[in-house]
Amino acid sequence: MLKIWGRTNSVNVKKVLWCAEELGLSYERVDAGGPFGVVDEPTYRALNPNGLVPVIEDDGLVLWESNVIVRYLAAKHGAVHLYPAGAAERARLEMWMDWVASSIMEPYRQLFWNTVRLAPERRDHAAAEKGLQDLRGLLAIADRALSKQPFLSGEALGVADIPLGCVAYSWFNMPIERPDLPHLQAWYQSLTGRPAYQKSVMIPLT
């Protein structure tokens, strides 16, 4: 059985759990990271030398890096509705996944940690404000793309939507002032109607 290591409140773990739920996979999840520890234990470092979550074990294969895991699961299970077979079409979807990793995650981390995760006395309000301003501009890029199609993946949900979809839940539920991005909002609302998203992503922010 597929084994997923990671705590449920991690955005990167949520990607893998959401994908697994969309695919209807049976899996075992093991708490790791944050208050659960585990990630510094030698047995875990043998799986992921970075000491981060998520990690999966699947039929003897060990993988880390959440976007890679999402693509692997979709490809292994022949989910062409999520991850098409053609090289060009795959690259178009992977482009959005990597954009989230390279451009969105650092300002998101600064905003989220200094708005939600850290105790009030430890928060860096300047860092939170910079993260917010950076995300406003970046999410406008996604909003423009979504003005032309209902999903980042095209006409239907695909792997391109999973990384930003996990961030979007926090974005729309943090106590912050959000710009009017109507296409992003409509896309997010469509995600909230999916049972797999509700189960894996829509949990209390901590």
N, C-alpha and C. Protein backbone atom coordinates (compact mmCIF):
# COMPACT_ATOMS: atom_id res chain seq x y z
N MET A 1 0.84 -1.21 0.00
CA MET A 1 0.00 0.00 0.00
C MET A 1 0.87 1.25 0.00
N LEU A 2 0.42 2.27 -0.67
CA LEU A 2 1.09 3.56 -0.68
C LEU A 2 1.18 4.11 0.75
N LYS A 3 2.36 4.57 1.13
CA LYS A 3 2.58 5.16 2.45
C LYS A 3 3.02 6.60 2.27
N ILE A 4 2.33 7.51 2.93
CA ILE A 4 2.61 8.94 2.83
C ILE A 4 3.04 9.44 4.20
N TRP A 5 4.25 9.98 4.26
CA TRP A 5 4.77 10.56 5.49
C TRP A 5 4.53 12.06 5.47
N GLY A 6 3.93 12.58 6.55
CA GLY A 6 3.77 14.03 6.63
C GLY A 6 2.54 14.43 7.43
N ARG A 7 2.60 15.61 7.99
CA ARG A 7 1.49 16.14 8.78
C ARG A 7 0.45 16.77 7.84
N THR A 8 -0.80 16.73 8.23
CA THR A 8 -1.87 17.16 7.34
C THR A 8 -1.92 18.67 7.13
N ASN A 9 -1.31 19.45 8.03
CA ASN A 9 -1.39 20.90 7.87
C ASN A 9 -0.26 21.49 7.04
N SER A 10 0.54 20.64 6.44
CA SER A 10 1.60 21.09 5.53
C SER A 10 1.03 21.26 4.13
N VAL A 11 1.25 22.41 3.52
CA VAL A 11 0.79 22.64 2.15
C VAL A 11 1.34 21.58 1.20
N ASN A 12 2.60 21.23 1.38
CA ASN A 12 3.21 20.26 0.47
C ASN A 12 2.64 18.85 0.66
N VAL A 13 2.31 18.50 1.89
CA VAL A 13 1.67 17.21 2.13
C VAL A 13 0.25 17.21 1.57
N LYS A 14 -0.43 18.34 1.71
CA LYS A 14 -1.79 18.44 1.18
C LYS A 14 -1.83 18.14 -0.32
N LYS A 15 -0.82 18.57 -1.05
CA LYS A 15 -0.79 18.29 -2.49
C LYS A 15 -0.89 16.80 -2.75
N VAL A 16 -0.08 16.03 -2.03
CA VAL A 16 -0.02 14.59 -2.25
C VAL A 16 -1.32 13.93 -1.80
N LEU A 17 -1.84 14.35 -0.65
CA LEU A 17 -3.09 13.77 -0.17
C LEU A 17 -4.25 14.08 -1.10
N TRP A 18 -4.32 15.30 -1.59
CA TRP A 18 -5.38 15.68 -2.52
C TRP A 18 -5.30 14.86 -3.80
N CYS A 19 -4.10 14.73 -4.33
CA CYS A 19 -3.91 13.94 -5.54
C CYS A 19 -4.33 12.49 -5.31
N ALA A 20 -3.91 11.92 -4.19
CA ALA A 20 -4.27 10.54 -3.89
C ALA A 20 -5.78 10.37 -3.78
N GLU A 21 -6.44 11.35 -3.19
CA GLU A 21 -7.90 11.28 -3.06
C GLU A 21 -8.58 11.42 -4.41
N GLU A 22 -8.07 12.31 -5.26
CA GLU A 22 -8.66 12.46 -6.60
C GLU A 22 -8.53 11.16 -7.39
N LEU A 23 -7.45 10.44 -7.14
CA LEU A 23 -7.21 9.18 -7.84
C LEU A 23 -7.92 8.00 -7.19
N GLY A 24 -8.51 8.21 -6.03
CA GLY A 24 -9.19 7.13 -5.34
C GLY A 24 -8.26 6.07 -4.79
N LEU A 25 -7.04 6.47 -4.39
CA LEU A 25 -6.05 5.51 -3.93
C LEU A 25 -6.22 5.18 -2.45
N SER A 26 -5.92 3.95 -2.10
CA SER A 26 -5.80 3.57 -0.70
C SER A 26 -4.38 3.90 -0.25
N TYR A 27 -4.25 4.46 0.93
CA TYR A 27 -2.93 4.81 1.42
C TYR A 27 -2.91 4.83 2.94
N GLU A 28 -1.72 4.73 3.47
CA GLU A 28 -1.47 4.90 4.90
C GLU A 28 -0.71 6.20 5.08
N ARG A 29 -1.17 7.04 6.00
CA ARG A 29 -0.44 8.28 6.27
C ARG A 29 0.18 8.21 7.66
N VAL A 30 1.41 8.66 7.76
CA VAL A 30 2.14 8.65 9.02
C VAL A 30 2.50 10.09 9.37
N ASP A 31 2.11 10.54 10.56
CA ASP A 31 2.45 11.90 10.99
C ASP A 31 3.95 12.07 11.07
N ALA A 32 4.44 13.15 10.49
CA ALA A 32 5.86 13.48 10.55
C ALA A 32 6.02 14.96 10.30
N GLY A 33 7.01 15.55 10.91
CA GLY A 33 7.27 16.97 10.74
C GLY A 33 6.56 17.80 11.80
N GLY A 34 7.04 19.02 11.99
CA GLY A 34 6.41 19.92 12.96
C GLY A 34 6.40 19.31 14.34
N PRO A 35 5.26 19.38 15.03
CA PRO A 35 5.19 18.88 16.42
C PRO A 35 5.37 17.37 16.54
N PHE A 36 5.26 16.65 15.42
CA PHE A 36 5.38 15.19 15.46
C PHE A 36 6.83 14.71 15.42
N GLY A 37 7.75 15.61 15.07
CA GLY A 37 9.13 15.19 14.98
C GLY A 37 9.32 14.18 13.86
N VAL A 38 10.04 13.12 14.12
CA VAL A 38 10.29 12.00 13.22
C VAL A 38 11.33 12.34 12.14
N VAL A 39 11.26 13.55 11.57
CA VAL A 39 12.05 13.86 10.38
C VAL A 39 13.55 13.91 10.63
N ASP A 40 13.96 13.98 11.89
CA ASP A 40 15.39 13.98 12.19
C ASP A 40 15.89 12.60 12.62
N GLU A 41 15.00 11.65 12.66
CA GLU A 41 15.41 10.30 13.03
C GLU A 41 16.18 9.66 11.87
N PRO A 42 17.18 8.84 12.17
CA PRO A 42 17.99 8.23 11.11
C PRO A 42 17.17 7.44 10.09
N THR A 43 16.13 6.75 10.55
CA THR A 43 15.34 5.96 9.61
C THR A 43 14.61 6.86 8.62
N TYR A 44 14.17 8.04 9.10
CA TYR A 44 13.50 8.96 8.17
C TYR A 44 14.50 9.63 7.25
N ARG A 45 15.66 10.02 7.79
CA ARG A 45 16.69 10.66 6.96
C ARG A 45 17.19 9.70 5.88
N ALA A 46 17.07 8.40 6.13
CA ALA A 46 17.43 7.44 5.09
C ALA A 46 16.44 7.49 3.92
N LEU A 47 15.21 7.93 4.22
CA LEU A 47 14.20 8.10 3.17
C LEU A 47 14.38 9.46 2.48
N ASN A 48 14.54 10.49 3.28
CA ASN A 48 14.70 11.85 2.74
C ASN A 48 15.82 12.55 3.50
N PRO A 49 16.99 12.68 2.90
CA PRO A 49 18.12 13.30 3.60
C PRO A 49 17.90 14.76 3.93
N ASN A 50 16.89 15.38 3.31
CA ASN A 50 16.58 16.78 3.62
C ASN A 50 15.80 16.93 4.91
N GLY A 51 15.21 15.85 5.41
CA GLY A 51 14.44 15.94 6.65
C GLY A 51 13.16 16.74 6.50
N LEU A 52 12.57 16.71 5.32
CA LEU A 52 11.34 17.45 5.05
C LEU A 52 10.20 16.49 4.72
N VAL A 53 9.00 17.02 4.71
CA VAL A 53 7.82 16.25 4.30
C VAL A 53 7.24 16.90 3.04
N PRO A 54 6.56 16.10 2.21
CA PRO A 54 6.22 14.70 2.35
C PRO A 54 7.29 13.78 1.78
N VAL A 55 7.13 12.51 2.13
CA VAL A 55 7.85 11.40 1.51
C VAL A 55 6.81 10.32 1.24
N ILE A 56 6.97 9.61 0.12
CA ILE A 56 6.12 8.44 -0.10
C ILE A 56 7.00 7.20 -0.26
N GLU A 57 6.41 6.08 0.11
CA GLU A 57 6.96 4.76 -0.19
C GLU A 57 5.89 4.02 -0.98
N ASP A 58 6.25 3.54 -2.15
CA ASP A 58 5.27 2.91 -3.02
C ASP A 58 5.91 1.75 -3.77
N ASP A 59 5.57 0.56 -3.37
CA ASP A 59 6.11 -0.64 -4.02
C ASP A 59 7.64 -0.60 -4.09
N GLY A 60 8.26 -0.19 -3.00
CA GLY A 60 9.71 -0.16 -2.93
C GLY A 60 10.34 1.13 -3.42
N LEU A 61 9.55 1.99 -4.05
CA LEU A 61 10.05 3.28 -4.52
C LEU A 61 9.87 4.33 -3.43
N VAL A 62 10.93 5.09 -3.16
CA VAL A 62 10.86 6.21 -2.21
C VAL A 62 11.02 7.50 -3.00
N LEU A 63 10.10 8.43 -2.77
CA LEU A 63 10.17 9.74 -3.43
C LEU A 63 9.93 10.84 -2.43
N TRP A 64 10.67 11.94 -2.60
CA TRP A 64 10.36 13.19 -1.93
C TRP A 64 10.26 14.27 -3.00
N GLU A 65 9.86 15.47 -2.62
CA GLU A 65 9.48 16.60 -3.47
C GLU A 65 8.02 16.41 -3.92
N SER A 66 7.17 17.25 -3.36
CA SER A 66 5.73 17.07 -3.51
C SER A 66 5.25 17.13 -4.96
N ASN A 67 5.78 18.05 -5.76
CA ASN A 67 5.32 18.13 -7.14
C ASN A 67 5.69 16.88 -7.93
N VAL A 68 6.87 16.35 -7.66
CA VAL A 68 7.30 15.11 -8.31
C VAL A 68 6.37 13.96 -7.92
N ILE A 69 6.02 13.91 -6.65
CA ILE A 69 5.14 12.84 -6.17
C ILE A 69 3.78 12.93 -6.85
N VAL A 70 3.23 14.13 -6.95
CA VAL A 70 1.93 14.30 -7.62
C VAL A 70 2.00 13.81 -9.06
N ARG A 71 3.05 14.20 -9.78
CA ARG A 71 3.16 13.77 -11.18
C ARG A 71 3.35 12.26 -11.28
N TYR A 72 4.15 11.71 -10.38
CA TYR A 72 4.36 10.27 -10.38
C TYR A 72 3.05 9.51 -10.16
N LEU A 73 2.29 9.91 -9.16
CA LEU A 73 1.05 9.19 -8.87
C LEU A 73 0.07 9.27 -10.04
N ALA A 74 -0.06 10.46 -10.62
CA ALA A 74 -0.97 10.60 -11.76
C ALA A 74 -0.50 9.77 -12.94
N ALA A 75 0.80 9.76 -13.21
CA ALA A 75 1.33 8.99 -14.34
C ALA A 75 1.20 7.49 -14.09
N LYS A 76 1.55 7.05 -12.88
CA LYS A 76 1.51 5.62 -12.58
C LYS A 76 0.11 5.05 -12.75
N HIS A 77 -0.88 5.83 -12.34
CA HIS A 77 -2.25 5.33 -12.35
C HIS A 77 -3.01 5.72 -13.61
N GLY A 78 -2.27 6.18 -14.61
CA GLY A 78 -2.88 6.44 -15.90
C GLY A 78 -3.95 7.50 -15.89
N ALA A 79 -3.80 8.49 -15.01
CA ALA A 79 -4.82 9.53 -14.87
C ALA A 79 -4.60 10.63 -15.90
N VAL A 80 -4.88 10.32 -17.16
CA VAL A 80 -4.64 11.30 -18.22
C VAL A 80 -5.55 12.52 -18.09
N HIS A 81 -6.63 12.39 -17.34
CA HIS A 81 -7.48 13.56 -17.09
C HIS A 81 -6.78 14.57 -16.19
N LEU A 82 -5.84 14.10 -15.36
CA LEU A 82 -5.06 14.99 -14.51
C LEU A 82 -3.70 15.33 -15.11
N TYR A 83 -3.13 14.38 -15.84
CA TYR A 83 -1.75 14.52 -16.33
C TYR A 83 -1.67 13.87 -17.70
N PRO A 84 -1.86 14.65 -18.76
CA PRO A 84 -1.93 14.08 -20.11
C PRO A 84 -0.64 13.41 -20.53
N ALA A 85 -0.75 12.58 -21.55
CA ALA A 85 0.40 11.78 -21.99
C ALA A 85 1.38 12.55 -22.85
N GLY A 86 0.93 13.55 -23.59
CA GLY A 86 1.79 14.27 -24.51
C GLY A 86 2.82 15.13 -23.81
N ALA A 87 4.02 15.19 -24.37
CA ALA A 87 5.11 15.95 -23.75
C ALA A 87 4.79 17.43 -23.66
N ALA A 88 4.25 18.01 -24.71
CA ALA A 88 3.95 19.44 -24.71
C ALA A 88 2.87 19.77 -23.69
N GLU A 89 1.83 18.93 -23.65
CA GLU A 89 0.74 19.20 -22.71
C GLU A 89 1.20 19.00 -21.27
N ARG A 90 2.02 18.00 -21.04
CA ARG A 90 2.57 17.82 -19.69
C ARG A 90 3.42 19.03 -19.28
N ALA A 91 4.24 19.49 -20.18
CA ALA A 91 5.11 20.63 -19.86
C ALA A 91 4.29 21.87 -19.52
N ARG A 92 3.18 22.07 -20.22
CA ARG A 92 2.34 23.25 -19.94
C ARG A 92 1.79 23.18 -18.52
N LEU A 93 1.41 21.99 -18.08
CA LEU A 93 0.90 21.84 -16.72
C LEU A 93 2.02 21.92 -15.68
N GLU A 94 3.15 21.31 -16.00
CA GLU A 94 4.28 21.35 -15.07
C GLU A 94 4.81 22.77 -14.89
N MET A 95 4.67 23.59 -15.92
CA MET A 95 5.10 24.98 -15.84
C MET A 95 4.43 25.69 -14.66
N TRP A 96 3.12 25.50 -14.51
CA TRP A 96 2.40 26.14 -13.41
C TRP A 96 2.82 25.55 -12.06
N MET A 97 3.06 24.25 -12.03
CA MET A 97 3.49 23.63 -10.78
C MET A 97 4.84 24.20 -10.34
N ASP A 98 5.77 24.31 -11.26
CA ASP A 98 7.10 24.81 -10.91
C ASP A 98 7.07 26.31 -10.61
N TRP A 99 6.16 27.03 -11.24
CA TRP A 99 6.00 28.46 -10.95
C TRP A 99 5.59 28.67 -9.49
N VAL A 100 4.69 27.83 -9.01
CA VAL A 100 4.30 27.93 -7.61
C VAL A 100 5.50 27.67 -6.71
N ALA A 101 6.26 26.64 -7.03
CA ALA A 101 7.43 26.31 -6.20
C ALA A 101 8.47 27.42 -6.21
N SER A 102 8.72 28.00 -7.38
CA SER A 102 9.82 28.96 -7.51
C SER A 102 9.42 30.39 -7.16
N SER A 103 8.15 30.74 -7.35
CA SER A 103 7.73 32.13 -7.18
C SER A 103 6.76 32.36 -6.03
N ILE A 104 5.85 31.43 -5.81
CA ILE A 104 4.78 31.65 -4.83
C ILE A 104 5.19 31.25 -3.42
N MET A 105 5.92 30.15 -3.28
CA MET A 105 6.06 29.55 -1.96
C MET A 105 6.82 30.42 -0.96
N GLU A 106 7.84 31.16 -1.37
CA GLU A 106 8.57 31.96 -0.39
C GLU A 106 7.73 33.12 0.14
N PRO A 107 7.10 33.95 -0.70
CA PRO A 107 6.24 34.98 -0.12
C PRO A 107 5.06 34.39 0.65
N TYR A 108 4.52 33.26 0.17
CA TYR A 108 3.44 32.61 0.91
C TYR A 108 3.92 32.20 2.30
N ARG A 109 5.10 31.61 2.38
CA ARG A 109 5.62 31.19 3.68
C ARG A 109 5.77 32.37 4.63
N GLN A 110 6.31 33.49 4.12
CA GLN A 110 6.47 34.67 4.96
C GLN A 110 5.12 35.19 5.46
N LEU A 111 4.14 35.20 4.59
CA LEU A 111 2.82 35.69 4.99
C LEU A 111 2.16 34.72 5.96
N PHE A 112 2.16 33.43 5.63
CA PHE A 112 1.44 32.46 6.44
C PHE A 112 2.05 32.31 7.83
N TRP A 113 3.36 32.16 7.89
CA TRP A 113 4.00 31.97 9.18
C TRP A 113 3.80 33.20 10.07
N ASN A 114 3.86 34.39 9.51
CA ASN A 114 3.77 35.60 10.31
C ASN A 114 2.35 36.12 10.47
N THR A 115 1.38 35.34 9.96
CA THR A 115 -0.03 35.67 10.16
C THR A 115 -0.75 34.59 10.95
N VAL A 116 -0.34 33.34 10.75
CA VAL A 116 -1.06 32.20 11.34
C VAL A 116 -0.18 31.36 12.26
N ARG A 117 0.94 30.89 11.75
CA ARG A 117 1.65 29.80 12.44
C ARG A 117 2.46 30.26 13.66
N LEU A 118 3.13 31.38 13.58
CA LEU A 118 3.94 31.83 14.70
C LEU A 118 3.08 32.49 15.77
N ALA A 119 3.50 32.38 17.01
CA ALA A 119 2.83 33.09 18.10
C ALA A 119 2.92 34.60 17.83
N PRO A 120 1.91 35.38 18.24
CA PRO A 120 1.89 36.82 17.93
C PRO A 120 3.17 37.55 18.29
N GLU A 121 3.77 37.21 19.41
CA GLU A 121 4.97 37.92 19.84
C GLU A 121 6.19 37.60 18.99
N ARG A 122 6.11 36.56 18.19
CA ARG A 122 7.25 36.16 17.35
C ARG A 122 7.08 36.59 15.89
N ARG A 123 5.97 37.21 15.56
CA ARG A 123 5.70 37.52 14.16
C ARG A 123 6.48 38.73 13.66
N ASP A 124 6.91 38.62 12.41
CA ASP A 124 7.61 39.71 11.73
C ASP A 124 6.60 40.36 10.79
N HIS A 125 6.05 41.47 11.22
CA HIS A 125 4.96 42.08 10.45
C HIS A 125 5.45 42.67 9.13
N ALA A 126 6.68 43.12 9.10
CA ALA A 126 7.23 43.64 7.84
C ALA A 126 7.36 42.51 6.82
N ALA A 127 7.80 41.35 7.27
CA ALA A 127 7.92 40.20 6.37
C ALA A 127 6.55 39.76 5.88
N ALA A 128 5.56 39.78 6.77
CA ALA A 128 4.20 39.42 6.37
C ALA A 128 3.66 40.38 5.33
N GLU A 129 3.90 41.65 5.51
CA GLU A 129 3.41 42.65 4.56
C GLU A 129 4.10 42.51 3.21
N LYS A 130 5.39 42.25 3.22
CA LYS A 130 6.09 42.03 1.95
C LYS A 130 5.56 40.79 1.25
N GLY A 131 5.35 39.72 2.01
CA GLY A 131 4.78 38.52 1.41
C GLY A 131 3.43 38.78 0.80
N LEU A 132 2.60 39.56 1.50
CA LEU A 132 1.28 39.89 1.00
C LEU A 132 1.36 40.68 -0.30
N GLN A 133 2.22 41.69 -0.33
CA GLN A 133 2.34 42.52 -1.54
C GLN A 133 2.88 41.69 -2.71
N ASP A 134 3.85 40.85 -2.45
CA ASP A 134 4.39 40.01 -3.53
C ASP A 134 3.32 39.06 -4.07
N LEU A 135 2.54 38.47 -3.17
CA LEU A 135 1.50 37.53 -3.61
C LEU A 135 0.40 38.23 -4.39
N ARG A 136 0.10 39.44 -4.04
CA ARG A 136 -0.92 40.17 -4.80
C ARG A 136 -0.54 40.25 -6.28
N GLY A 137 0.71 40.58 -6.54
CA GLY A 137 1.15 40.67 -7.93
C GLY A 137 1.23 39.32 -8.61
N LEU A 138 1.72 38.33 -7.89
CA LEU A 138 1.88 37.00 -8.47
C LEU A 138 0.52 36.35 -8.75
N LEU A 139 -0.40 36.47 -7.81
CA LEU A 139 -1.70 35.84 -8.01
C LEU A 139 -2.50 36.53 -9.11
N ALA A 140 -2.17 37.78 -9.40
CA ALA A 140 -2.80 38.45 -10.55
C ALA A 140 -2.43 37.75 -11.85
N ILE A 141 -1.24 37.16 -11.90
CA ILE A 141 -0.84 36.39 -13.09
C ILE A 141 -1.75 35.19 -13.27
N ALA A 142 -2.00 34.47 -12.18
CA ALA A 142 -2.92 33.33 -12.26
C ALA A 142 -4.32 33.78 -12.59
N ASP A 143 -4.74 34.91 -12.03
CA ASP A 143 -6.08 35.42 -12.32
C ASP A 143 -6.26 35.70 -13.81
N ARG A 144 -5.25 36.27 -14.44
CA ARG A 144 -5.34 36.54 -15.88
C ARG A 144 -5.43 35.23 -16.67
N ALA A 145 -4.65 34.25 -16.27
CA ALA A 145 -4.73 32.95 -16.96
C ALA A 145 -6.11 32.34 -16.80
N LEU A 146 -6.68 32.48 -15.62
CA LEU A 146 -7.98 31.89 -15.34
C LEU A 146 -9.13 32.68 -15.96
N SER A 147 -8.83 33.85 -16.48
CA SER A 147 -9.86 34.60 -17.22
C SER A 147 -10.12 33.97 -18.58
N LYS A 148 -9.21 33.11 -19.02
CA LYS A 148 -9.30 32.50 -20.35
C LYS A 148 -9.72 31.04 -20.31
N GLN A 149 -9.65 30.42 -19.14
CA GLN A 149 -10.00 29.01 -19.00
C GLN A 149 -10.35 28.76 -17.55
N PRO A 150 -11.18 27.76 -17.26
CA PRO A 150 -11.65 27.57 -15.88
C PRO A 150 -10.61 27.02 -14.92
N PHE A 151 -9.59 26.35 -15.43
CA PHE A 151 -8.55 25.78 -14.58
C PHE A 151 -7.18 26.13 -15.14
N LEU A 152 -6.17 26.15 -14.30
CA LEU A 152 -4.83 26.36 -14.80
C LEU A 152 -4.44 25.26 -15.77
N SER A 153 -5.02 24.07 -15.58
CA SER A 153 -4.74 22.94 -16.47
C SER A 153 -5.50 23.02 -17.78
N GLY A 154 -6.50 23.88 -17.87
CA GLY A 154 -7.30 23.99 -19.09
C GLY A 154 -8.77 23.95 -18.79
N GLU A 155 -9.49 23.06 -19.46
CA GLU A 155 -10.94 22.99 -19.30
C GLU A 155 -11.36 22.15 -18.11
N ALA A 156 -10.45 21.40 -17.53
CA ALA A 156 -10.76 20.55 -16.38
C ALA A 156 -9.60 20.55 -15.41
N LEU A 157 -9.85 20.14 -14.19
CA LEU A 157 -8.81 20.06 -13.18
C LEU A 157 -7.68 19.14 -13.63
N GLY A 158 -6.45 19.55 -13.36
CA GLY A 158 -5.29 18.72 -13.63
C GLY A 158 -4.21 19.00 -12.61
N VAL A 159 -3.06 18.41 -12.80
CA VAL A 159 -1.98 18.56 -11.82
C VAL A 159 -1.52 20.01 -11.69
N ALA A 160 -1.72 20.82 -12.72
CA ALA A 160 -1.32 22.23 -12.64
C ALA A 160 -2.06 22.97 -11.54
N ASP A 161 -3.26 22.51 -11.21
CA ASP A 161 -4.08 23.21 -10.22
C ASP A 161 -3.76 22.83 -8.78
N ILE A 162 -3.08 21.71 -8.60
CA ILE A 162 -2.92 21.19 -7.24
C ILE A 162 -2.01 22.06 -6.37
N PRO A 163 -0.81 22.46 -6.79
CA PRO A 163 0.01 23.28 -5.90
C PRO A 163 -0.64 24.61 -5.53
N LEU A 164 -1.13 25.35 -6.52
CA LEU A 164 -1.73 26.64 -6.19
C LEU A 164 -3.05 26.45 -5.45
N GLY A 165 -3.76 25.36 -5.74
CA GLY A 165 -5.00 25.10 -5.03
C GLY A 165 -4.80 24.94 -3.54
N CYS A 166 -3.69 24.34 -3.13
CA CYS A 166 -3.40 24.19 -1.71
C CYS A 166 -3.06 25.53 -1.06
N VAL A 167 -2.33 26.36 -1.78
CA VAL A 167 -2.04 27.71 -1.28
C VAL A 167 -3.30 28.55 -1.22
N ALA A 168 -4.17 28.39 -2.21
CA ALA A 168 -5.37 29.22 -2.31
C ALA A 168 -6.26 29.09 -1.09
N TYR A 169 -6.34 27.89 -0.52
CA TYR A 169 -7.19 27.73 0.66
C TYR A 169 -6.71 28.65 1.78
N SER A 170 -5.41 28.70 2.00
CA SER A 170 -4.87 29.60 3.03
C SER A 170 -5.11 31.06 2.63
N TRP A 171 -4.86 31.38 1.38
CA TRP A 171 -5.02 32.76 0.90
C TRP A 171 -6.42 33.28 1.16
N PHE A 172 -7.41 32.48 0.90
CA PHE A 172 -8.79 32.93 1.03
C PHE A 172 -9.34 32.78 2.45
N ASN A 173 -8.54 32.23 3.36
CA ASN A 173 -9.04 32.05 4.72
C ASN A 173 -8.17 32.72 5.78
N MET A 174 -7.07 33.32 5.40
CA MET A 174 -6.28 34.10 6.34
C MET A 174 -6.94 35.46 6.57
N PRO A 175 -6.75 36.06 7.76
CA PRO A 175 -7.30 37.38 8.04
C PRO A 175 -6.44 38.48 7.42
N ILE A 176 -6.54 38.62 6.10
CA ILE A 176 -5.75 39.59 5.36
C ILE A 176 -6.67 40.34 4.40
N GLU A 177 -6.17 41.45 3.87
CA GLU A 177 -6.90 42.19 2.85
C GLU A 177 -6.48 41.68 1.48
N ARG A 178 -7.42 41.09 0.79
CA ARG A 178 -7.13 40.50 -0.52
C ARG A 178 -7.60 41.43 -1.64
N PRO A 179 -6.83 41.51 -2.72
CA PRO A 179 -7.29 42.27 -3.88
C PRO A 179 -8.43 41.53 -4.58
N ASP A 180 -9.16 42.24 -5.39
CA ASP A 180 -10.26 41.63 -6.14
C ASP A 180 -9.67 40.88 -7.34
N LEU A 181 -9.66 39.59 -7.24
CA LEU A 181 -9.18 38.72 -8.32
C LEU A 181 -10.32 37.75 -8.66
N PRO A 182 -11.29 38.18 -9.44
CA PRO A 182 -12.54 37.42 -9.60
C PRO A 182 -12.37 36.05 -10.23
N HIS A 183 -11.42 35.92 -11.14
CA HIS A 183 -11.24 34.62 -11.80
C HIS A 183 -10.56 33.63 -10.86
N LEU A 184 -9.62 34.11 -10.07
CA LEU A 184 -9.01 33.27 -9.05
C LEU A 184 -10.05 32.84 -8.03
N GLN A 185 -10.91 33.76 -7.65
CA GLN A 185 -11.97 33.45 -6.69
C GLN A 185 -12.92 32.38 -7.23
N ALA A 186 -13.32 32.52 -8.49
CA ALA A 186 -14.24 31.55 -9.10
C ALA A 186 -13.59 30.17 -9.18
N TRP A 187 -12.33 30.16 -9.55
CA TRP A 187 -11.58 28.90 -9.61
C TRP A 187 -11.52 28.25 -8.23
N TYR A 188 -11.19 29.04 -7.22
CA TYR A 188 -11.12 28.52 -5.86
C TYR A 188 -12.48 27.96 -5.43
N GLN A 189 -13.55 28.67 -5.72
CA GLN A 189 -14.87 28.19 -5.34
C GLN A 189 -15.18 26.86 -6.01
N SER A 190 -14.73 26.68 -7.24
CA SER A 190 -14.96 25.41 -7.91
C SER A 190 -14.20 24.28 -7.21
N LEU A 191 -13.01 24.58 -6.70
CA LEU A 191 -12.24 23.57 -5.97
C LEU A 191 -12.94 23.15 -4.69
N THR A 192 -13.56 24.10 -4.02
CA THR A 192 -14.18 23.81 -2.72
C THR A 192 -15.37 22.86 -2.86
N GLY A 193 -15.87 22.66 -4.06
CA GLY A 193 -16.95 21.72 -4.27
C GLY A 193 -16.49 20.29 -4.50
N ARG A 194 -15.18 20.06 -4.55
CA ARG A 194 -14.64 18.73 -4.82
C ARG A 194 -14.43 17.99 -3.50
N PRO A 195 -14.99 16.80 -3.34
CA PRO A 195 -14.82 16.05 -2.10
C PRO A 195 -13.35 15.82 -1.73
N ALA A 196 -12.50 15.53 -2.71
CA ALA A 196 -11.09 15.29 -2.41
C ALA A 196 -10.42 16.54 -1.85
N TYR A 197 -10.80 17.70 -2.36
CA TYR A 197 -10.25 18.97 -1.87
C TYR A 197 -10.76 19.25 -0.46
N GLN A 198 -12.05 19.02 -0.26
CA GLN A 198 -12.63 19.24 1.06
C GLN A 198 -11.93 18.39 2.11
N LYS A 199 -11.67 17.13 1.80
CA LYS A 199 -11.06 16.22 2.77
C LYS A 199 -9.60 16.54 3.04
N SER A 200 -8.85 16.86 2.01
CA SER A 200 -7.40 16.95 2.13
C SER A 200 -6.87 18.36 2.38
N VAL A 201 -7.59 19.35 1.90
CA VAL A 201 -7.08 20.72 1.93
C VAL A 201 -7.85 21.60 2.91
N MET A 202 -9.16 21.44 2.96
CA MET A 202 -9.99 22.36 3.74
C MET A 202 -10.06 21.95 5.21
N ILE A 203 -8.93 22.09 5.87
CA ILE A 203 -8.84 21.79 7.29
C ILE A 203 -8.42 23.08 8.02
N PRO A 204 -8.60 23.17 9.31
CA PRO A 204 -8.24 24.42 10.02
C PRO A 204 -6.79 24.82 9.77
N LEU A 205 -6.59 26.11 9.61
CA LEU A 205 -5.24 26.64 9.38
C LEU A 205 -4.48 26.66 10.71
N THR A 206 -3.34 26.00 10.70
CA THR A 206 -2.50 25.98 11.89
C THR A 206 -1.03 26.04 11.47
